């Protein structure tokens, strides 16, 4: 049964270590929660490593800019036309 659960969690992104500890790209999920931002987590998933502080800030800024642009009145008006 333990091997069945372990195989289910093993992907190119995640593995199950010692049957209870989920690793994301080699980092423990408990170590990531509350410590990394959305942008940093996205970078980790795409590149396989946590970004440095400046890259992490850049990723956050890109996500905020993308979200901000999507909901501005000008873009909403264009979509309605």
PDB file of N, CA and C in Angstrom:
ATOM      1  N   UNK A   1       0.809  -1.194   0.000  1.00  0.00           N
ATOM      2  CA  UNK A   1       0.000   0.000   0.000  1.00  0.00           C
ATOM      3  C   UNK A   1       0.862   1.273   0.000  1.00  0.00           C
ATOM      4  N   UNK A   2       1.951   1.262   0.776  1.00  0.00           N
ATOM      5  CA  UNK A   2       2.820   2.442   0.853  1.00  0.00           C
ATOM      6  C   UNK A   2       3.438   2.754  -0.499  1.00  0.00           C
ATOM      7  N   UNK A   3       3.863   1.733  -1.235  1.00  0.00           N
ATOM      8  CA  UNK A   3       4.447   1.960  -2.556  1.00  0.00           C
ATOM      9  C   UNK A   3       3.426   2.499  -3.537  1.00  0.00           C
ATOM     10  N   UNK A   4       2.163   2.084  -3.408  1.00  0.00           N
ATOM     11  CA  UNK A   4       1.117   2.612  -4.287  1.00  0.00           C
ATOM     12  C   UNK A   4       0.929   4.100  -4.058  1.00  0.00           C
ATOM     13  N   UNK A   5       0.895   4.518  -2.793  1.00  0.00           N
ATOM     14  CA  UNK A   5       0.753   5.945  -2.479  1.00  0.00           C
ATOM     15  C   UNK A   5       1.970   6.714  -2.950  1.00  0.00           C
ATOM     16  N   UNK A   6       3.141   6.172  -2.727  1.00  0.00           N
ATOM     17  CA  UNK A   6       4.373   6.853  -3.127  1.00  0.00           C
ATOM     18  C   UNK A   6       4.382   7.070  -4.651  1.00  0.00           C
ATOM     19  N   UNK A   7       4.054   6.070  -5.433  1.00  0.00           N
ATOM     20  CA  UNK A   7       4.039   6.201  -6.881  1.00  0.00           C
ATOM     21  C   UNK A   7       3.033   7.208  -7.375  1.00  0.00           C
ATOM     22  N   UNK A   8       1.923   7.333  -6.665  1.00  0.00           N
ATOM     23  CA  UNK A   8       0.882   8.273  -7.074  1.00  0.00           C
ATOM     24  C   UNK A   8       1.368   9.705  -6.967  1.00  0.00           C
ATOM     25  N   UNK A   9       2.203  10.011  -5.977  1.00  0.00           N
ATOM     26  CA  UNK A   9       2.684  11.367  -5.765  1.00  0.00           C
ATOM     27  C   UNK A   9       3.928  11.702  -6.571  1.00  0.00           C
ATOM     28  N   UNK A  10       4.615  10.728  -7.097  1.00  0.00           N
ATOM     29  CA  UNK A  10       5.859  11.015  -7.797  1.00  0.00           C
ATOM     30  C   UNK A  10       5.591  11.476  -9.221  1.00  0.00           C
ATOM     31  N   UNK A  11       5.985  12.703  -9.487  1.00  0.00           N
ATOM     32  CA  UNK A  11       5.869  13.290 -10.817  1.00  0.00           C
ATOM     33  C   UNK A  11       7.168  14.036 -11.093  1.00  0.00           C
ATOM     34  N   UNK A  12       7.230  14.739 -12.196  1.00  0.00           N
ATOM     35  CA  UNK A  12       8.389  15.561 -12.481  1.00  0.00           C
ATOM     36  C   UNK A  12       8.487  16.758 -11.546  1.00  0.00           C
ATOM     37  N   UNK A  13       7.409  17.054 -10.827  1.00  0.00           N
ATOM     38  CA  UNK A  13       7.379  18.205  -9.922  1.00  0.00           C
ATOM     39  C   UNK A  13       7.446  17.774  -8.470  1.00  0.00           C
ATOM     40  N   UNK A  14       6.736  16.699  -8.118  1.00  0.00           N
ATOM     41  CA  UNK A  14       6.637  16.331  -6.704  1.00  0.00           C
ATOM     42  C   UNK A  14       7.041  14.888  -6.447  1.00  0.00           C
ATOM     43  N   UNK A  15       7.509  14.661  -5.234  1.00  0.00           N
ATOM     44  CA  UNK A  15       7.809  13.307  -4.765  1.00  0.00           C
ATOM     45  C   UNK A  15       7.348  13.214  -3.311  1.00  0.00           C
ATOM     46  N   UNK A  16       7.134  12.008  -2.866  1.00  0.00           N
ATOM     47  CA  UNK A  16       6.746  11.768  -1.484  1.00  0.00           C
ATOM     48  C   UNK A  16       7.937  11.155  -0.772  1.00  0.00           C
ATOM     49  N   UNK A  17       8.426  11.848   0.238  1.00  0.00           N
ATOM     50  CA  UNK A  17       9.592  11.403   0.981  1.00  0.00           C
ATOM     51  C   UNK A  17       9.142  10.803   2.305  1.00  0.00           C
ATOM     52  N   UNK A  18       9.564   9.599   2.591  1.00  0.00           N
ATOM     53  CA  UNK A  18       9.246   8.863   3.812  1.00  0.00           C
ATOM     54  C   UNK A  18       7.747   8.777   4.081  1.00  0.00           C
ATOM     55  N   UNK A  19       6.975   8.685   3.042  1.00  0.00           N
ATOM     56  CA  UNK A  19       5.533   8.436   3.064  1.00  0.00           C
ATOM     57  C   UNK A  19       4.676   9.570   3.596  1.00  0.00           C
ATOM     58  N   UNK A  20       5.249  10.606   4.165  1.00  0.00           N
ATOM     59  CA  UNK A  20       4.428  11.676   4.723  1.00  0.00           C
ATOM     60  C   UNK A  20       4.852  13.064   4.275  1.00  0.00           C
ATOM     61  N   UNK A  21       6.050  13.220   3.774  1.00  0.00           N
ATOM     62  CA  UNK A  21       6.589  14.536   3.485  1.00  0.00           C
ATOM     63  C   UNK A  21       6.606  14.783   1.985  1.00  0.00           C
ATOM     64  N   UNK A  22       5.816  15.731   1.524  1.00  0.00           N
ATOM     65  CA  UNK A  22       5.723  16.055   0.108  1.00  0.00           C
ATOM     66  C   UNK A  22       6.825  17.027  -0.271  1.00  0.00           C
ATOM     67  N   UNK A  23       7.582  16.685  -1.303  1.00  0.00           N
ATOM     68  CA  UNK A  23       8.642  17.546  -1.811  1.00  0.00           C
ATOM     69  C   UNK A  23       8.212  18.121  -3.156  1.00  0.00           C
ATOM     70  N   UNK A  24       8.410  19.405  -3.330  1.00  0.00           N
ATOM     71  CA  UNK A  24       8.141  20.080  -4.598  1.00  0.00           C
ATOM     72  C   UNK A  24       9.497  20.516  -5.145  1.00  0.00           C
ATOM     73  N   UNK A  25       9.904  19.894  -6.244  1.00  0.00           N
ATOM     74  CA  UNK A  25      11.210  20.180  -6.848  1.00  0.00           C
ATOM     75  C   UNK A  25      12.334  20.107  -5.811  1.00  0.00           C
ATOM     76  N   UNK A  26      12.203  19.148  -4.876  1.00  0.00           N
ATOM     77  CA  UNK A  26      13.226  18.932  -3.872  1.00  0.00           C
ATOM     78  C   UNK A  26      13.063  19.730  -2.592  1.00  0.00           C
ATOM     79  N   UNK A  27      12.126  20.657  -2.556  1.00  0.00           N
ATOM     80  CA  UNK A  27      11.877  21.471  -1.364  1.00  0.00           C
ATOM     81  C   UNK A  27      10.646  20.936  -0.638  1.00  0.00           C
ATOM     82  N   UNK A  28      10.728  20.835   0.677  1.00  0.00           N
ATOM     83  CA  UNK A  28       9.598  20.377   1.468  1.00  0.00           C
ATOM     84  C   UNK A  28       8.447  21.361   1.403  1.00  0.00           C
ATOM     85  N   UNK A  29       7.247  20.856   1.193  1.00  0.00           N
ATOM     86  CA  UNK A  29       6.080  21.723   1.066  1.00  0.00           C
ATOM     87  C   UNK A  29       5.888  22.562   2.329  1.00  0.00           C
ATOM     88  N   UNK A  30       6.164  21.978   3.486  1.00  0.00           N
ATOM     89  CA  UNK A  30       6.019  22.722   4.740  1.00  0.00           C
ATOM     90  C   UNK A  30       7.019  23.873   4.822  1.00  0.00           C
ATOM     91  N   UNK A  31       8.159  23.734   4.185  1.00  0.00           N
ATOM     92  CA  UNK A  31       9.166  24.793   4.174  1.00  0.00           C
ATOM     93  C   UNK A  31       8.796  25.917   3.209  1.00  0.00           C
ATOM     94  N   UNK A  32       7.982  25.604   2.212  1.00  0.00           N
ATOM     95  CA  UNK A  32       7.597  26.596   1.208  1.00  0.00           C
ATOM     96  C   UNK A  32       6.385  27.417   1.637  1.00  0.00           C
ATOM     97  N   UNK A  33       5.428  26.762   2.289  1.00  0.00           N
ATOM     98  CA  UNK A  33       4.176  27.433   2.660  1.00  0.00           C
ATOM     99  C   UNK A  33       4.475  28.588   3.611  1.00  0.00           C
ATOM    100  N   UNK A  34       3.994  29.761   3.240  1.00  0.00           N
ATOM    101  CA  UNK A  34       4.177  30.935   4.065  1.00  0.00           C
ATOM    102  C   UNK A  34       5.530  31.602   3.923  1.00  0.00           C
ATOM    103  N   UNK A  35       6.430  31.000   3.159  1.00  0.00           N
ATOM    104  CA  UNK A  35       7.773  31.558   2.996  1.00  0.00           C
ATOM    105  C   UNK A  35       8.016  32.097   1.598  1.00  0.00           C
ATOM    106  N   UNK A  36       7.387  31.499   0.607  1.00  0.00           N
ATOM    107  CA  UNK A  36       7.605  31.948  -0.770  1.00  0.00           C
ATOM    108  C   UNK A  36       6.333  32.576  -1.323  1.00  0.00           C
ATOM    109  N   UNK A  37       6.514  33.527  -2.194  1.00  0.00           N
ATOM    110  CA  UNK A  37       5.385  34.201  -2.823  1.00  0.00           C
ATOM    111  C   UNK A  37       4.875  33.377  -4.011  1.00  0.00           C
ATOM    112  N   UNK A  38       3.759  33.818  -4.565  1.00  0.00           N
ATOM    113  CA  UNK A  38       3.202  33.153  -5.735  1.00  0.00           C
ATOM    114  C   UNK A  38       4.206  33.180  -6.891  1.00  0.00           C
ATOM    115  N   UNK A  39       4.814  34.324  -7.112  1.00  0.00           N
ATOM    116  CA  UNK A  39       5.793  34.453  -8.189  1.00  0.00           C
ATOM    117  C   UNK A  39       7.000  33.552  -7.988  1.00  0.00           C
ATOM    118  N   UNK A  40       7.477  33.471  -6.751  1.00  0.00           N
ATOM    119  CA  UNK A  40       8.611  32.599  -6.452  1.00  0.00           C
ATOM    120  C   UNK A  40       8.243  31.134  -6.645  1.00  0.00           C
ATOM    121  N   UNK A  41       7.028  30.773  -6.249  1.00  0.00           N
ATOM    122  CA  UNK A  41       6.584  29.381  -6.419  1.00  0.00           C
ATOM    123  C   UNK A  41       6.462  29.040  -7.899  1.00  0.00           C
ATOM    124  N   UNK A  42       5.935  29.955  -8.673  1.00  0.00           N
ATOM    125  CA  UNK A  42       5.817  29.738 -10.122  1.00  0.00           C
ATOM    126  C   UNK A  42       7.201  29.532 -10.729  1.00  0.00           C
ATOM    127  N   UNK A  43       8.148  30.360 -10.329  1.00  0.00           N
ATOM    128  CA  UNK A  43       9.520  30.237 -10.828  1.00  0.00           C
ATOM    129  C   UNK A  43      10.107  28.879 -10.446  1.00  0.00           C
ATOM    130  N   UNK A  44       9.887  28.457  -9.215  1.00  0.00           N
ATOM    131  CA  UNK A  44      10.367  27.153  -8.766  1.00  0.00           C
ATOM    132  C   UNK A  44       9.790  26.035  -9.625  1.00  0.00           C
ATOM    133  N   UNK A  45       8.504  26.096  -9.899  1.00  0.00           N
ATOM    134  CA  UNK A  45       7.871  25.058 -10.708  1.00  0.00           C
ATOM    135  C   UNK A  45       8.397  25.032 -12.144  1.00  0.00           C
ATOM    136  N   UNK A  46       8.685  26.207 -12.684  1.00  0.00           N
ATOM    137  CA  UNK A  46       9.148  26.278 -14.071  1.00  0.00           C
ATOM    138  C   UNK A  46      10.648  26.005 -14.210  1.00  0.00           C
ATOM    139  N   UNK A  47      11.447  26.501 -13.289  1.00  0.00           N
ATOM    140  CA  UNK A  47      12.904  26.411 -13.417  1.00  0.00           C
ATOM    141  C   UNK A  47      13.547  25.349 -12.528  1.00  0.00           C
ATOM    142  N   UNK A  48      12.818  24.869 -11.512  1.00  0.00           N
ATOM    143  CA  UNK A  48      13.361  23.844 -10.639  1.00  0.00           C
ATOM    144  C   UNK A  48      14.219  24.358  -9.509  1.00  0.00           C
ATOM    145  N   UNK A  49      14.259  25.677  -9.339  1.00  0.00           N
ATOM    146  CA  UNK A  49      15.022  26.284  -8.253  1.00  0.00           C
ATOM    147  C   UNK A  49      14.320  27.554  -7.800  1.00  0.00           C
ATOM    148  N   UNK A  50      14.528  27.905  -6.545  1.00  0.00           N
ATOM    149  CA  UNK A  50      13.958  29.156  -6.050  1.00  0.00           C
ATOM    150  C   UNK A  50      14.743  30.327  -6.619  1.00  0.00           C
ATOM    151  N   UNK A  51      14.045  31.398  -6.976  1.00  0.00           N
ATOM    152  CA  UNK A  51      14.750  32.552  -7.525  1.00  0.00           C
ATOM    153  C   UNK A  51      15.436  33.359  -6.437  1.00  0.00           C
ATOM    154  N   UNK A  52      16.377  34.181  -6.847  1.00  0.00           N
ATOM    155  CA  UNK A  52      16.968  35.150  -5.927  1.00  0.00           C
ATOM    156  C   UNK A  52      15.938  36.226  -5.599  1.00  0.00           C
ATOM    157  N   UNK A  53      16.272  37.090  -4.673  1.00  0.00           N
ATOM    158  CA  UNK A  53      15.330  38.118  -4.225  1.00  0.00           C
ATOM    159  C   UNK A  53      14.848  39.006  -5.374  1.00  0.00           C
ATOM    160  N   UNK A  54      15.760  39.462  -6.213  1.00  0.00           N
ATOM    161  CA  UNK A  54      15.382  40.385  -7.305  1.00  0.00           C
ATOM    162  C   UNK A  54      14.501  39.705  -8.344  1.00  0.00           C
ATOM    163  N   UNK A  55      14.829  38.475  -8.689  1.00  0.00           N
ATOM    164  CA  UNK A  55      13.996  37.744  -9.667  1.00  0.00           C
ATOM    165  C   UNK A  55      12.623  37.468  -9.068  1.00  0.00           C
ATOM    166  N   UNK A  56      12.583  37.118  -7.783  1.00  0.00           N
ATOM    167  CA  UNK A  56      11.304  36.890  -7.113  1.00  0.00           C
ATOM    168  C   UNK A  56      10.432  38.136  -7.140  1.00  0.00           C
ATOM    169  N   UNK A  57      11.026  39.291  -6.886  1.00  0.00           N
ATOM    170  CA  UNK A  57      10.283  40.550  -6.934  1.00  0.00           C
ATOM    171  C   UNK A  57       9.796  40.842  -8.346  1.00  0.00           C
ATOM    172  N   UNK A  58      10.621  40.562  -9.334  1.00  0.00           N
ATOM    173  CA  UNK A  58      10.230  40.766 -10.721  1.00  0.00           C
ATOM    174  C   UNK A  58       9.054  39.872 -11.094  1.00  0.00           C
ATOM    175  N   UNK A  59       9.097  38.611 -10.673  1.00  0.00           N
ATOM    176  CA  UNK A  59       7.989  37.691 -10.965  1.00  0.00           C
ATOM    177  C   UNK A  59       6.698  38.205 -10.340  1.00  0.00           C
ATOM    178  N   UNK A  60       6.771  38.663  -9.090  1.00  0.00           N
ATOM    179  CA  UNK A  60       5.589  39.211  -8.420  1.00  0.00           C
ATOM    180  C   UNK A  60       5.052  40.417  -9.189  1.00  0.00           C
ATOM    181  N   UNK A  61       5.928  41.313  -9.597  1.00  0.00           N
ATOM    182  CA  UNK A  61       5.517  42.506 -10.332  1.00  0.00           C
ATOM    183  C   UNK A  61       4.853  42.140 -11.649  1.00  0.00           C
ATOM    184  N   UNK A  62       5.372  41.130 -12.322  1.00  0.00           N
ATOM    185  CA  UNK A  62       4.771  40.701 -13.595  1.00  0.00           C
ATOM    186  C   UNK A  62       3.361  40.165 -13.383  1.00  0.00           C
ATOM    187  N   UNK A  63       3.159  39.373 -12.329  1.00  0.00           N
ATOM    188  CA  UNK A  63       1.823  38.847 -12.063  1.00  0.00           C
ATOM    189  C   UNK A  63       0.854  39.961 -11.672  1.00  0.00           C
ATOM    190  N   UNK A  64       1.308  40.894 -10.855  1.00  0.00           N
ATOM    191  CA  UNK A  64       0.445  42.011 -10.453  1.00  0.00           C
ATOM    192  C   UNK A  64       0.084  42.859 -11.668  1.00  0.00           C
ATOM    193  N   UNK A  65       1.059  43.152 -12.520  1.00  0.00           N
ATOM    194  CA  UNK A  65       0.792  43.947 -13.719  1.00  0.00           C
ATOM    195  C   UNK A  65      -0.186  43.238 -14.643  1.00  0.00           C
ATOM    196  N   UNK A  66      -0.024  41.936 -14.785  1.00  0.00           N
ATOM    197  CA  UNK A  66      -0.933  41.183 -15.658  1.00  0.00           C
ATOM    198  C   UNK A  66      -2.349  41.207 -15.101  1.00  0.00           C
ATOM    199  N   UNK A  67      -2.488  41.027 -13.805  1.00  0.00           N
ATOM    200  CA  UNK A  67      -3.821  41.043 -13.183  1.00  0.00           C
ATOM    201  C   UNK A  67      -4.428  42.429 -13.244  1.00  0.00           C
ATOM    202  N   UNK A  68      -3.626  43.441 -13.003  1.00  0.00           N
ATOM    203  CA  UNK A  68      -4.115  44.812 -13.030  1.00  0.00           C
ATOM    204  C   UNK A  68      -4.585  45.177 -14.431  1.00  0.00           C
ATOM    205  N   UNK A  69      -3.870  44.776 -15.438  1.00  0.00           N
ATOM    206  CA  UNK A  69      -4.236  45.102 -16.817  1.00  0.00           C
ATOM    207  C   UNK A  69      -5.532  44.409 -17.231  1.00  0.00           C
ATOM    208  N   UNK A  70      -5.741  43.227 -16.759  1.00  0.00           N
ATOM    209  CA  UNK A  70      -6.912  42.446 -17.148  1.00  0.00           C
ATOM    210  C   UNK A  70      -8.208  43.093 -16.675  1.00  0.00           C
ATOM    211  N   UNK A  71      -8.190  43.762 -15.515  1.00  0.00           N
ATOM    212  CA  UNK A  71      -9.442  44.268 -14.956  1.00  0.00           C
ATOM    213  C   UNK A  71      -9.619  45.774 -15.090  1.00  0.00           C
ATOM    214  N   UNK A  72      -8.778  46.444 -15.842  1.00  0.00           N
ATOM    215  CA  UNK A  72      -8.948  47.886 -15.995  1.00  0.00           C
ATOM    216  C   UNK A  72     -10.168  48.176 -16.854  1.00  0.00           C
ATOM    217  N   UNK A  73     -10.820  49.314 -16.620  1.00  0.00           N
ATOM    218  CA  UNK A  73     -12.020  49.652 -17.395  1.00  0.00           C
ATOM    219  C   UNK A  73     -11.782  49.704 -18.903  1.00  0.00           C
ATOM    220  N   UNK A  74     -10.603  50.189 -19.338  1.00  0.00           N
ATOM    221  CA  UNK A  74     -10.328  50.275 -20.767  1.00  0.00           C
ATOM    222  C   UNK A  74     -10.342  48.899 -21.424  1.00  0.00           C
ATOM    223  N   UNK A  75      -9.740  47.931 -20.782  1.00  0.00           N
ATOM    224  CA  UNK A  75      -9.709  46.598 -21.379  1.00  0.00           C
ATOM    225  C   UNK A  75     -11.105  45.963 -21.330  1.00  0.00           C
ATOM    226  N   UNK A  76     -11.876  46.273 -20.300  1.00  0.00           N
ATOM    227  CA  UNK A  76     -13.245  45.757 -20.227  1.00  0.00           C
ATOM    228  C   UNK A  76     -14.101  46.352 -21.342  1.00  0.00           C
ATOM    229  N   UNK A  77     -13.912  47.656 -21.620  1.00  0.00           N
ATOM    230  CA  UNK A  77     -14.672  48.303 -22.688  1.00  0.00           C
ATOM    231  C   UNK A  77     -14.344  47.707 -24.051  1.00  0.00           C
ATOM    232  N   UNK A  78     -13.080  47.413 -24.278  1.00  0.00           N
ATOM    233  CA  UNK A  78     -12.675  46.828 -25.550  1.00  0.00           C
ATOM    234  C   UNK A  78     -13.305  45.447 -25.724  1.00  0.00           C
ATOM    235  N   UNK A  79     -13.367  44.688 -24.665  1.00  0.00           N
ATOM    236  CA  UNK A  79     -13.961  43.365 -24.740  1.00  0.00           C
ATOM    237  C   UNK A  79     -15.452  43.407 -25.021  1.00  0.00           C
ATOM    238  N   UNK A  80     -16.128  44.442 -24.556  1.00  0.00           N
ATOM    239  CA  UNK A  80     -17.573  44.583 -24.737  1.00  0.00           C
ATOM    240  C   UNK A  80     -17.938  45.061 -26.146  1.00  0.00           C
ATOM    241  N   UNK A  81     -16.997  45.747 -26.805  1.00  0.00           N
ATOM    242  CA  UNK A  81     -17.290  46.334 -28.117  1.00  0.00           C
ATOM    243  C   UNK A  81     -17.472  45.302 -29.190  1.00  0.00           C
TER     244      UNK A  81
END
